[in-house]
PDB file of N, CA and C in Angstrom:
ATOM      1  N   MET A   1     105.223 150.590  52.738  1.00  0.00           N
ATOM      2  CA  MET A   1     104.599 149.877  53.811  1.00  0.00           C
ATOM      3  C   MET A   1     103.850 148.653  53.306  1.00  0.00           C
ATOM      4  N   MET A   2     103.153 148.845  52.199  1.00  0.00           N
ATOM      5  CA  MET A   2     102.381 147.760  51.628  1.00  0.00           C
ATOM      6  C   MET A   2     103.300 146.676  51.069  1.00  0.00           C
ATOM      7  N   ILE A   3     104.437 147.069  50.527  1.00  0.00           N
ATOM      8  CA  ILE A   3     105.380 146.110  49.964  1.00  0.00           C
ATOM      9  C   ILE A   3     105.968 145.249  51.102  1.00  0.00           C
ATOM     10  N   GLY A   4     106.235 145.866  52.239  1.00  0.00           N
ATOM     11  CA  GLY A   4     106.757 145.124  53.389  1.00  0.00           C
ATOM     12  C   GLY A   4     105.773 144.079  53.871  1.00  0.00           C
ATOM     13  N   LYS A   5     104.489 144.430  53.944  1.00  0.00           N
ATOM     14  CA  LYS A   5     103.459 143.467  54.362  1.00  0.00           C
ATOM     15  C   LYS A   5     103.345 142.318  53.362  1.00  0.00           C
ATOM     16  N   LEU A   6     103.416 142.621  52.082  1.00  0.00           N
ATOM     17  CA  LEU A   6     103.360 141.565  51.059  1.00  0.00           C
ATOM     18  C   LEU A   6     104.581 140.648  51.139  1.00  0.00           C
ATOM     19  N   ALA A   7     105.727 141.209  51.399  1.00  0.00           N
ATOM     20  CA  ALA A   7     106.943 140.404  51.494  1.00  0.00           C
ATOM     21  C   ALA A   7     106.883 139.478  52.708  1.00  0.00           C
ATOM     22  N   ILE A   8     106.416 140.002  53.837  1.00  0.00           N
ATOM     23  CA  ILE A   8     106.310 139.175  55.031  1.00  0.00           C
ATOM     24  C   ILE A   8     105.285 138.075  54.858  1.00  0.00           C
ATOM     25  N   SER A   9     104.147 138.411  54.257  1.00  0.00           N
ATOM     26  CA  SER A   9     103.108 137.382  54.029  1.00  0.00           C
ATOM     27  C   SER A   9     103.593 136.341  53.040  1.00  0.00           C
ATOM     28  N   GLY A  10     104.396 136.731  52.052  1.00  0.00           N
ATOM     29  CA  GLY A  10     104.944 135.759  51.100  1.00  0.00           C
ATOM     30  C   GLY A  10     105.934 134.815  51.778  1.00  0.00           C
ATOM     31  N   VAL A  11     106.770 135.330  52.676  1.00  0.00           N
ATOM     32  CA  VAL A  11     107.720 134.497  53.400  1.00  0.00           C
ATOM     33  C   VAL A  11     106.977 133.520  54.319  1.00  0.00           C
ATOM     34  N   LEU A  12     105.966 134.009  55.011  1.00  0.00           N
ATOM     35  CA  LEU A  12     105.173 133.164  55.899  1.00  0.00           C
ATOM     36  C   LEU A  12     104.433 132.085  55.125  1.00  0.00           C
ATOM     37  N   ALA A  13     103.883 132.432  53.974  1.00  0.00           N
ATOM     38  CA  ALA A  13     103.168 131.436  53.136  1.00  0.00           C
ATOM     39  C   ALA A  13     104.118 130.362  52.633  1.00  0.00           C
ATOM     40  N   THR A  14     105.336 130.760  52.266  1.00  0.00           N
ATOM     41  CA  THR A  14     106.320 129.788  51.781  1.00  0.00           C
ATOM     42  C   THR A  14     106.736 128.872  52.926  1.00  0.00           C
ATOM     43  N   ALA A  15     106.986 129.411  54.118  1.00  0.00           N
ATOM     44  CA  ALA A  15     107.374 128.588  55.269  1.00  0.00           C
ATOM     45  C   ALA A  15     106.269 127.634  55.661  1.00  0.00           C
ATOM     46  N   PHE A  16     105.034 128.114  55.634  1.00  0.00           N
ATOM     47  CA  PHE A  16     103.889 127.263  55.977  1.00  0.00           C
ATOM     48  C   PHE A  16     103.717 126.126  54.980  1.00  0.00           C
ATOM     49  N   SER A  17     103.898 126.428  53.683  1.00  0.00           N
ATOM     50  CA  SER A  17     103.757 125.369  52.677  1.00  0.00           C
ATOM     51  C   SER A  17     104.850 124.327  52.809  1.00  0.00           C
ATOM     52  N   LEU A  18     106.076 124.757  53.193  1.00  0.00           N
ATOM     53  CA  LEU A  18     107.155 123.787  53.381  1.00  0.00           C
ATOM     54  C   LEU A  18     106.877 122.903  54.591  1.00  0.00           C
ATOM     55  N   LEU A  19     106.313 123.482  55.645  1.00  0.00           N
ATOM     56  CA  LEU A  19     105.976 122.701  56.825  1.00  0.00           C
ATOM     57  C   LEU A  19     104.881 121.677  56.521  1.00  0.00           C
ATOM     58  N   MET A  20     103.887 122.082  55.752  1.00  0.00           N
ATOM     59  CA  MET A  20     102.771 121.193  55.418  1.00  0.00           C
ATOM     60  C   MET A  20     103.201 120.064  54.489  1.00  0.00           C
ATOM     61  N   ALA A  21     104.196 120.308  53.655  1.00  0.00           N
ATOM     62  CA  ALA A  21     104.666 119.273  52.748  1.00  0.00           C
ATOM     63  C   ALA A  21     105.349 118.145  53.530  1.00  0.00           C
ATOM     64  N   GLY A  22     106.026 118.475  54.635  1.00  0.00           N
ATOM     65  CA  GLY A  22     106.666 117.449  55.442  1.00  0.00           C
ATOM     66  C   GLY A  22     105.707 116.703  56.336  1.00  0.00           C
ATOM     67  N   ALA A  23     104.484 117.207  56.520  1.00  0.00           N
ATOM     68  CA  ALA A  23     103.518 116.595  57.416  1.00  0.00           C
ATOM     69  C   ALA A  23     102.512 115.715  56.696  1.00  0.00           C
ATOM     70  N   MET A  24     102.771 115.323  55.487  1.00  0.00           N
ATOM     71  CA  MET A  24     101.812 114.469  54.766  1.00  0.00           C
ATOM     72  C   MET A  24     101.832 113.064  55.341  1.00  0.00           C
ATOM     73  N   ALA A  25     100.693 112.421  55.330  1.00  0.00           N
ATOM     74  CA  ALA A  25     100.566 111.070  55.887  1.00  0.00           C
ATOM     75  C   ALA A  25     101.105 110.059  54.916  1.00  0.00           C
ATOM     76  N   GLN A  26     101.581 108.931  55.460  1.00  0.00           N
ATOM     77  CA  GLN A  26     102.052 107.854  54.634  1.00  0.00           C
ATOM     78  C   GLN A  26     100.888 106.978  54.244  1.00  0.00           C
ATOM     79  N   THR A  27     100.969 106.408  53.049  1.00  0.00           N
ATOM     80  CA  THR A  27      99.894 105.537  52.598  1.00  0.00           C
ATOM     81  C   THR A  27     100.214 104.103  52.972  1.00  0.00           C
ATOM     82  N   ALA A  28      99.189 103.333  53.262  1.00  0.00           N
ATOM     83  CA  ALA A  28      99.366 101.929  53.649  1.00  0.00           C
ATOM     84  C   ALA A  28      99.583 101.072  52.413  1.00  0.00           C
ATOM     85  N   SER A  29     100.281  99.986  52.572  1.00  0.00           N
ATOM     86  CA  SER A  29     100.509  99.087  51.426  1.00  0.00           C
ATOM     87  C   SER A  29      99.196  98.388  51.097  1.00  0.00           C
ATOM     88  N   GLN A  30      98.999  98.112  49.824  1.00  0.00           N
ATOM     89  CA  GLN A  30      97.748  97.535  49.341  1.00  0.00           C
ATOM     90  C   GLN A  30      97.706  96.026  49.481  1.00  0.00           C
ATOM     91  N   SER A  31      98.840  95.366  49.619  1.00  0.00           N
ATOM     92  CA  SER A  31      98.850  93.896  49.724  1.00  0.00           C
ATOM     93  C   SER A  31      98.497  93.470  51.142  1.00  0.00           C
ATOM     94  N   PRO A  32      97.609  92.468  51.293  1.00  0.00           N
ATOM     95  CA  PRO A  32      97.246  92.010  52.641  1.00  0.00           C
ATOM     96  C   PRO A  32      98.386  91.192  53.262  1.00  0.00           C
ATOM     97  N   ARG A  33      98.483  91.252  54.575  1.00  0.00           N
ATOM     98  CA  ARG A  33      99.493  90.495  55.285  1.00  0.00           C
ATOM     99  C   ARG A  33      98.846  89.271  55.893  1.00  0.00           C
ATOM    100  N   VAL A  34      99.513  88.142  55.795  1.00  0.00           N
ATOM    101  CA  VAL A  34      98.962  86.892  56.300  1.00  0.00           C
ATOM    102  C   VAL A  34      99.900  86.369  57.389  1.00  0.00           C
ATOM    103  N   ALA A  35      99.314  85.968  58.518  1.00  0.00           N
ATOM    104  CA  ALA A  35     100.107  85.384  59.589  1.00  0.00           C
ATOM    105  C   ALA A  35     100.296  83.915  59.323  1.00  0.00           C
ATOM    106  N   GLN A  36     101.489  83.407  59.615  1.00  0.00           N
ATOM    107  CA  GLN A  36     101.788  82.013  59.394  1.00  0.00           C
ATOM    108  C   GLN A  36     102.129  81.357  60.741  1.00  0.00           C
ATOM    109  N   ALA A  37     101.588  80.172  60.929  1.00  0.00           N
ATOM    110  CA  ALA A  37     101.868  79.419  62.144  1.00  0.00           C
ATOM    111  C   ALA A  37     103.196  78.693  62.001  1.00  0.00           C
ATOM    112  N   LEU A  38     103.908  78.509  63.134  1.00  0.00           N
ATOM    113  CA  LEU A  38     105.164  77.782  63.131  1.00  0.00           C
ATOM    114  C   LEU A  38     104.916  76.286  63.087  1.00  0.00           C
ATOM    115  N   THR A  39     105.688  75.600  62.306  1.00  0.00           N
ATOM    116  CA  THR A  39     105.566  74.142  62.211  1.00  0.00           C
ATOM    117  C   THR A  39     106.565  73.509  63.150  1.00  0.00           C
ATOM    118  N   ALA A  40     106.504  72.192  63.306  1.00  0.00           N
ATOM    119  CA  ALA A  40     107.409  71.454  64.164  1.00  0.00           C
ATOM    120  C   ALA A  40     108.841  71.565  63.646  1.00  0.00           C
ATOM    121  N   ASP A  41     109.019  71.603  62.301  1.00  0.00           N
ATOM    122  CA  ASP A  41     110.365  71.761  61.744  1.00  0.00           C
ATOM    123  C   ASP A  41     110.968  73.123  62.105  1.00  0.00           C
ATOM    124  N   ASP A  42     110.129  74.166  62.117  1.00  0.00           N
ATOM    125  CA  ASP A  42     110.626  75.491  62.478  1.00  0.00           C
ATOM    126  C   ASP A  42     111.085  75.518  63.932  1.00  0.00           C
ATOM    127  N   LEU A  43     110.299  74.862  64.796  1.00  0.00           N
ATOM    128  CA  LEU A  43     110.639  74.838  66.197  1.00  0.00           C
ATOM    129  C   LEU A  43     111.896  74.005  66.451  1.00  0.00           C
ATOM    130  N   ALA A  44     112.103  72.917  65.678  1.00  0.00           N
ATOM    131  CA  ALA A  44     113.277  72.078  65.850  1.00  0.00           C
ATOM    132  C   ALA A  44     114.534  72.791  65.345  1.00  0.00           C
ATOM    133  N   ALA A  45     114.388  73.720  64.419  1.00  0.00           N
ATOM    134  CA  ALA A  45     115.555  74.412  63.862  1.00  0.00           C
ATOM    135  C   ALA A  45     116.077  75.485  64.815  1.00  0.00           C
ATOM    136  N   ARG A  46     115.252  75.901  65.779  1.00  0.00           N
ATOM    137  CA  ARG A  46     115.714  76.911  66.719  1.00  0.00           C
ATOM    138  C   ARG A  46     116.715  76.337  67.675  1.00  0.00           C
ATOM    139  N   PRO A  47     117.661  77.161  68.143  1.00  0.00           N
ATOM    140  CA  PRO A  47     118.612  76.682  69.136  1.00  0.00           C
ATOM    141  C   PRO A  47     117.888  76.468  70.473  1.00  0.00           C
ATOM    142  N   PRO A  48     118.318  75.465  71.234  1.00  0.00           N
ATOM    143  CA  PRO A  48     117.650  75.205  72.512  1.00  0.00           C
ATOM    144  C   PRO A  48     117.935  76.327  73.523  1.00  0.00           C
ATOM    145  N   VAL A  49     116.998  76.546  74.368  1.00  0.00           N
ATOM    146  CA  VAL A  49     117.128  77.572  75.406  1.00  0.00           C
ATOM    147  C   VAL A  49     117.879  76.944  76.568  1.00  0.00           C
ATOM    148  N   VAL A  50     119.008  77.578  76.938  1.00  0.00           N
ATOM    149  CA  VAL A  50     119.843  77.053  78.000  1.00  0.00           C
ATOM    150  C   VAL A  50     119.462  77.763  79.298  1.00  0.00           C
ATOM    151  N   ALA A  51     119.074  76.971  80.294  1.00  0.00           N
ATOM    152  CA  ALA A  51     118.691  77.537  81.569  1.00  0.00           C
ATOM    153  C   ALA A  51     119.937  77.856  82.401  1.00  0.00           C
ATOM    154  N   ARG A  52     119.927  79.009  83.043  1.00  0.00           N
ATOM    155  CA  ARG A  52     121.023  79.352  83.902  1.00  0.00           C
ATOM    156  C   ARG A  52     120.919  78.597  85.226  1.00  0.00           C
ATOM    157  N   PRO A  53     122.027  78.271  85.825  1.00  0.00           N
ATOM    158  CA  PRO A  53     121.932  77.584  87.116  1.00  0.00           C
ATOM    159  C   PRO A  53     121.335  78.516  88.179  1.00  0.00           C
ATOM    160  N   ALA A  54     120.549  77.961  89.057  1.00  0.00           N
ATOM    161  CA  ALA A  54     119.883  78.748  90.086  1.00  0.00           C
ATOM    162  C   ALA A  54     120.910  79.259  91.091  1.00  0.00           C
ATOM    163  N   ARG A  55     120.740  80.497  91.512  1.00  0.00           N
ATOM    164  CA  ARG A  55     121.624  81.060  92.529  1.00  0.00           C
ATOM    165  C   ARG A  55     121.198  80.571  93.900  1.00  0.00           C
ATOM    166  N   PRO A  56     122.144  80.416  94.789  1.00  0.00           N
ATOM    167  CA  PRO A  56     121.745  80.094  96.157  1.00  0.00           C
ATOM    168  C   PRO A  56     121.119  81.319  96.807  1.00  0.00           C
ATOM    169  N   PRO A  57     120.193  81.130  97.773  1.00  0.00           N
ATOM    170  CA  PRO A  57     119.589  82.292  98.393  1.00  0.00           C
ATOM    171  C   PRO A  57     120.595  83.094  99.187  1.00  0.00           C
ATOM    172  N   ARG A  58     120.388  84.390  99.231  1.00  0.00           N
ATOM    173  CA  ARG A  58     121.322  85.254  99.969  1.00  0.00           C
ATOM    174  C   ARG A  58     121.166  85.034 101.455  1.00  0.00           C
ATOM    175  N   ARG A  59     122.297  85.139 102.123  1.00  0.00           N
ATOM    176  CA  ARG A  59     122.298  84.983 103.563  1.00  0.00           C
ATOM    177  C   ARG A  59     122.326  86.374 104.223  1.00  0.00           C
ATOM    178  N   VAL A  60     121.453  86.605 105.137  1.00  0.00           N
ATOM    179  CA  VAL A  60     121.415  87.849 105.869  1.00  0.00           C
ATOM    180  C   VAL A  60     121.695  87.521 107.338  1.00  0.00           C
ATOM    181  N   ARG A  61     122.748  88.096 107.864  1.00  0.00           N
ATOM    182  CA  ARG A  61     123.090  87.831 109.260  1.00  0.00           C
ATOM    183  C   ARG A  61     122.221  88.725 110.149  1.00  0.00           C
ATOM    184  N   VAL A  62     121.632  88.127 111.162  1.00  0.00           N
ATOM    185  CA  VAL A  62     120.791  88.841 112.107  1.00  0.00           C
ATOM    186  C   VAL A  62     121.454  88.702 113.475  1.00  0.00           C
ATOM    187  N   TYR A  63     121.758  89.840 114.079  1.00  0.00           N
ATOM    188  CA  TYR A  63     122.363  89.850 115.396  1.00  0.00           C
ATOM    189  C   TYR A  63     121.317  90.308 116.407  1.00  0.00           C
ATOM    190  N   PRO A  64     121.110  89.549 117.463  1.00  0.00           N
ATOM    191  CA  PRO A  64     120.114  89.977 118.450  1.00  0.00           C
ATOM    192  C   PRO A  64     120.599  91.165 119.254  1.00  0.00           C
ATOM    193  N   ARG A  65     119.660  92.008 119.661  1.00  0.00           N
ATOM    194  CA  ARG A  65     119.997  93.137 120.517  1.00  0.00           C
ATOM    195  C   ARG A  65     120.037  92.658 121.953  1.00  0.00           C
ATOM    196  N   ASP A  66     120.856  93.291 122.727  1.00  0.00           N
ATOM    197  CA  ASP A  66     120.892  92.959 124.154  1.00  0.00           C
ATOM    198  C   ASP A  66     119.588  93.408 124.828  1.00  0.00           C
ATOM    199  N   GLN A  67     119.117  94.583 124.485  1.00  0.00           N
ATOM    200  CA  GLN A  67     117.898  95.126 125.056  1.00  0.00           C
ATOM    201  C   GLN A  67     117.157  95.898 123.976  1.00  0.00           C
ATOM    202  N   ALA A  68     115.841  95.858 124.041  1.00  0.00           N
ATOM    203  CA  ALA A  68     115.057  96.644 123.125  1.00  0.00           C
ATOM    204  C   ALA A  68     115.093  98.116 123.542  1.00  0.00           C
ATOM    205  N   GLN A  69     115.359  98.999 122.598  1.00  0.00           N
ATOM    206  CA  GLN A  69     115.466 100.416 122.897  1.00  0.00           C
ATOM    207  C   GLN A  69     114.400 101.184 122.138  1.00  0.00           C
ATOM    208  N   PRO A  70     113.574 101.960 122.813  1.00  0.00           N
ATOM    209  CA  PRO A  70     112.603 102.783 122.069  1.00  0.00           C
ATOM    210  C   PRO A  70     113.306 103.880 121.281  1.00  0.00           C
ATOM    211  N   ASP A  71     112.722 104.303 120.166  1.00  0.00           N
ATOM    212  CA  ASP A  71     113.360 105.260 119.295  1.00  0.00           C
ATOM    213  C   ASP A  71     113.235 106.701 119.781  1.00  0.00           C
ATOM    214  N   ASP A  72     112.308 106.988 120.706  1.00  0.00           N
ATOM    215  CA  ASP A  72     112.088 108.370 121.103  1.00  0.00           C
ATOM    216  C   ASP A  72     112.781 108.746 122.408  1.00  0.00           C
ATOM    217  N   VAL A  73     113.672 107.891 122.881  1.00  0.00           N
ATOM    218  CA  VAL A  73     114.325 108.146 124.157  1.00  0.00           C
ATOM    219  C   VAL A  73     115.774 108.546 123.916  1.00  0.00           C
ATOM    220  N   TYR A  74     116.181 109.647 124.522  1.00  0.00           N
ATOM    221  CA  TYR A  74     117.560 110.096 124.401  1.00  0.00           C
ATOM    222  C   TYR A  74     118.069 110.379 125.793  1.00  0.00           C
ATOM    223  N   PRO A  75     119.180 110.039 126.229  1.00  0.00           N
ATOM    224  CA  PRO A  75     120.208 109.265 125.562  1.00  0.00           C
ATOM    225  C   PRO A  75     119.880 107.774 125.562  1.00  0.00           C
ATOM    226  N   ARG A  76     120.548 107.060 124.696  1.00  0.00           N
ATOM    227  CA  ARG A  76     120.258 105.628 124.539  1.00  0.00           C
ATOM    228  C   ARG A  76     121.190 104.797 125.382  1.00  0.00           C
ATOM    229  N   TYR A  77     120.921 104.716 126.631  1.00  0.00           N
ATOM    230  CA  TYR A  77     121.673 103.828 127.515  1.00  0.00           C
ATOM    231  C   TYR A  77     120.697 103.386 128.588  1.00  0.00           C
ATOM    232  N   TYR A  78     121.057 102.319 129.304  1.00  0.00           N
ATOM    233  CA  TYR A  78     120.211 101.795 130.345  1.00  0.00           C
ATOM    234  C   TYR A  78     120.544 102.513 131.645  1.00  0.00           C
ATOM    235  N   PRO A  79     119.629 103.361 132.171  1.00  0.00           N
ATOM    236  CA  PRO A  79     119.970 104.173 133.336  1.00  0.00           C
ATOM    237  C   PRO A  79     119.851 103.432 134.663  1.00  0.00           C
ATOM    238  N   GLY A  80     119.339 102.235 134.690  1.00  0.00           N
ATOM    239  CA  GLY A  80     119.196 101.470 135.926  1.00  0.00           C
ATOM    240  C   GLY A  80     117.773 100.987 136.125  1.00  0.00           C
ATOM    241  N   PRO A  81     117.570 100.102 137.077  1.00  0.00           N
ATOM    242  CA  PRO A  81     116.243  99.506 137.249  1.00  0.00           C
ATOM    243  C   PRO A  81     115.211 100.458 137.819  1.00  0.00           C
ATOM    244  N   ASN A  82     115.584 101.449 138.588  1.00  0.00           N
ATOM    245  CA  ASN A  82     114.620 102.349 139.206  1.00  0.00           C
ATOM    246  C   ASN A  82     114.623 103.745 138.576  1.00  0.00           C
ATOM    247  N   ALA A  83     115.016 103.851 137.341  1.00  0.00           N
ATOM    248  CA  ALA A  83     115.145 105.177 136.679  1.00  0.00           C
ATOM    249  C   ALA A  83     113.764 105.739 136.371  1.00  0.00           C
ATOM    250  N   VAL A  84     113.706 107.063 136.344  1.00  0.00           N
ATOM    251  CA  VAL A  84     112.466 107.806 136.056  1.00  0.00           C
ATOM    252  C   VAL A  84     112.768 108.762 134.907  1.00  0.00           C
ATOM    253  N   ARG A  85     111.832 108.823 134.010  1.00  0.00           N
ATOM    254  CA  ARG A  85     111.995 109.738 132.880  1.00  0.00           C
ATOM    255  C   ARG A  85     111.359 111.076 133.246  1.00  0.00           C
ATOM    256  N   VAL A  86     112.126 112.132 133.196  1.00  0.00           N
ATOM    257  CA  VAL A  86     111.652 113.468 133.540  1.00  0.00           C
ATOM    258  C   VAL A  86     111.625 114.297 132.268  1.00  0.00           C
ATOM    259  N   CYS A  87     110.455 114.878 131.964  1.00  0.00           N
ATOM    260  CA  CYS A  87     110.305 115.640 130.726  1.00  0.00           C
ATOM    261  C   CYS A  87     110.003 117.099 131.040  1.00  0.00           C
ATOM    262  N   ASN A  88     110.545 117.989 130.238  1.00  0.00           N
ATOM    263  CA  ASN A  88     110.313 119.415 130.376  1.00  0.00           C
ATOM    264  C   ASN A  88     109.686 119.904 129.082  1.00  0.00           C
ATOM    265  N   ALA A  89     108.447 120.411 129.162  1.00  0.00           N
ATOM    266  CA  ALA A  89     107.744 120.896 127.980  1.00  0.00           C
ATOM    267  C   ALA A  89     107.643 122.413 128.027  1.00  0.00           C
ATOM    268  N   SER A  90     107.834 123.053 126.884  1.00  0.00           N
ATOM    269  CA  SER A  90     107.747 124.502 126.791  1.00  0.00           C
ATOM    270  C   SER A  90     107.376 124.859 125.351  1.00  0.00           C
ATOM    271  N   TYR A  91     107.124 126.148 125.139  1.00  0.00           N
ATOM    272  CA  TYR A  91     106.852 126.649 123.802  1.00  0.00           C
ATOM    273  C   TYR A  91     108.034 127.486 123.327  1.00  0.00           C
ATOM    274  N   ALA A  92     108.292 127.415 122.011  1.00  0.00           N
ATOM    275  CA  ALA A  92     109.410 128.171 121.464  1.00  0.00           C
ATOM    276  C   ALA A  92     108.981 128.790 120.128  1.00  0.00           C
ATOM    277  N   GLN A  93     109.603 129.901 119.772  1.00  0.00           N
ATOM    278  CA  GLN A  93     109.325 130.552 118.506  1.00  0.00           C
ATOM    279  C   GLN A  93     110.208 129.912 117.421  1.00  0.00           C
ATOM    280  N   GLU A  94     109.601 129.668 116.257  1.00  0.00           N
ATOM    281  CA  GLU A  94     110.358 129.218 115.092  1.00  0.00           C
ATOM    282  C   GLU A  94     110.074 130.199 113.972  1.00  0.00           C
ATOM    283  N   TYR A  95     111.116 130.560 113.267  1.00  0.00           N
ATOM    284  CA  TYR A  95     111.007 131.509 112.169  1.00  0.00           C
ATOM    285  C   TYR A  95     110.902 130.726 110.871  1.00  0.00           C
ATOM    286  N   ARG A  96     109.785 130.873 110.199  1.00  0.00           N
ATOM    287  CA  ARG A  96     109.503 130.159 108.947  1.00  0.00           C
ATOM    288  C   ARG A  96     109.238 131.159 107.848  1.00  0.00           C
ATOM    289  N   PRO A  97     109.289 130.718 106.572  1.00  0.00           N
ATOM    290  CA  PRO A  97     109.020 131.655 105.466  1.00  0.00           C
ATOM    291  C   PRO A  97     107.619 132.278 105.521  1.00  0.00           C
ATOM    292  N   SER A  98     106.658 131.533 106.091  1.00  0.00           N
ATOM    293  CA  SER A  98     105.307 132.083 106.181  1.00  0.00           C
ATOM    294  C   SER A  98     105.160 133.044 107.324  1.00  0.00           C
ATOM    295  N   GLY A  99     106.104 133.058 108.246  1.00  0.00           N
ATOM    296  CA  GLY A  99     106.035 133.954 109.393  1.00  0.00           C
ATOM    297  C   GLY A  99     106.471 133.227 110.652  1.00  0.00           C
ATOM    298  N   THR A 100     106.551 133.950 111.739  1.00  0.00           N
ATOM    299  CA  THR A 100     106.976 133.374 113.018  1.00  0.00           C
ATOM    300  C   THR A 100     105.815 132.592 113.639  1.00  0.00           C
ATOM    301  N   VAL A 101     106.099 131.365 114.104  1.00  0.00           N
ATOM    302  CA  VAL A 101     105.082 130.530 114.739  1.00  0.00           C
ATOM    303  C   VAL A 101     105.593 130.076 116.091  1.00  0.00           C
ATOM    304  N   ILE A 102     104.648 129.750 116.969  1.00  0.00           N
ATOM    305  CA  ILE A 102     104.997 129.226 118.290  1.00  0.00           C
ATOM    306  C   ILE A 102     104.653 127.737 118.280  1.00  0.00           C
ATOM    307  N   VAL A 103     105.652 126.915 118.591  1.00  0.00           N
ATOM    308  CA  VAL A 103     105.463 125.455 118.537  1.00  0.00           C
ATOM    309  C   VAL A 103     105.903 124.852 119.892  1.00  0.00           C
ATOM    310  N   PRO A 104     105.292 123.712 120.278  1.00  0.00           N
ATOM    311  CA  PRO A 104     105.719 123.069 121.531  1.00  0.00           C
ATOM    312  C   PRO A 104     107.036 122.318 121.338  1.00  0.00           C
ATOM    313  N   HIS A 105     107.858 122.346 122.385  1.00  0.00           N
ATOM    314  CA  HIS A 105     109.119 121.598 122.421  1.00  0.00           C
ATOM    315  C   HIS A 105     109.138 120.803 123.706  1.00  0.00           C
ATOM    316  N   MET A 106     109.658 119.563 123.627  1.00  0.00           N
ATOM    317  CA  MET A 106     109.763 118.746 124.811  1.00  0.00           C
ATOM    318  C   MET A 106     111.147 118.103 124.863  1.00  0.00           C
ATOM    319  N   THR A 107     111.775 118.163 125.990  1.00  0.00           N
ATOM    320  CA  THR A 107     113.056 117.500 126.209  1.00  0.00           C
ATOM    321  C   THR A 107     112.907 116.572 127.395  1.00  0.00           C
ATOM    322  N   CYS A 108     113.396 115.359 127.270  1.00  0.00           N
ATOM    323  CA  CYS A 108     113.298 114.354 128.316  1.00  0.00           C
ATOM    324  C   CYS A 108     114.664 113.798 128.678  1.00  0.00           C
ATOM    325  N   VAL A 109     114.870 113.518 129.960  1.00  0.00           N
ATOM    326  CA  VAL A 109     116.109 112.899 130.421  1.00  0.00           C
ATOM    327  C   VAL A 109     115.743 111.811 131.433  1.00  0.00           C
ATOM    328  N   TRP A 110     116.671 110.878 131.631  1.00  0.00           N
ATOM    329  CA  TRP A 110     116.481 109.841 132.643  1.00  0.00           C
ATOM    330  C   TRP A 110     117.157 110.263 133.943  1.00  0.00           C
ATOM    331  N   ARG A 111     116.462 110.121 135.040  1.00  0.00           N
ATOM    332  CA  ARG A 111     117.004 110.398 136.394  1.00  0.00           C
ATOM    333  C   ARG A 111     116.961 109.114 137.182  1.00  0.00           C
ATOM    334  N   ARG A 112     117.961 108.915 138.011  1.00  0.00           N
ATOM    335  CA  ARG A 112     117.953 107.733 138.862  1.00  0.00           C
ATOM    336  C   ARG A 112     116.883 107.899 139.932  1.00  0.00           C
ATOM    337  N   GLY A 113     116.160 106.814 140.196  1.00  0.00           N
ATOM    338  CA  GLY A 113     115.051 106.906 141.125  1.00  0.00           C
ATOM    339  C   GLY A 113     115.321 106.558 142.527  1.00  0.00           C
TER     340      GLY A 113
END
């Protein structure tokens, strides 16, 4: 039993020492670095920057609607000048993961007036 514990601790110590050897920090170079400014000759030696031609603006076609239609009205047609919107409101059960809940439901239709 004691030999097994020593063998396991020896393997773990060897693995840990190998991991620590790979994690050593790198040393910085001792020579100082100096920044150099570009001279006019260096700038003249560079190739010139070629500008791309400008693109024309994109055209978006806009078509006018015959009539403005609200988004909450179904069906989407013009029922006539004297139409009346008739709505029926009720409560309904909905089955959800948290449990059954009762929620309001409303259906609307256009009737000729």
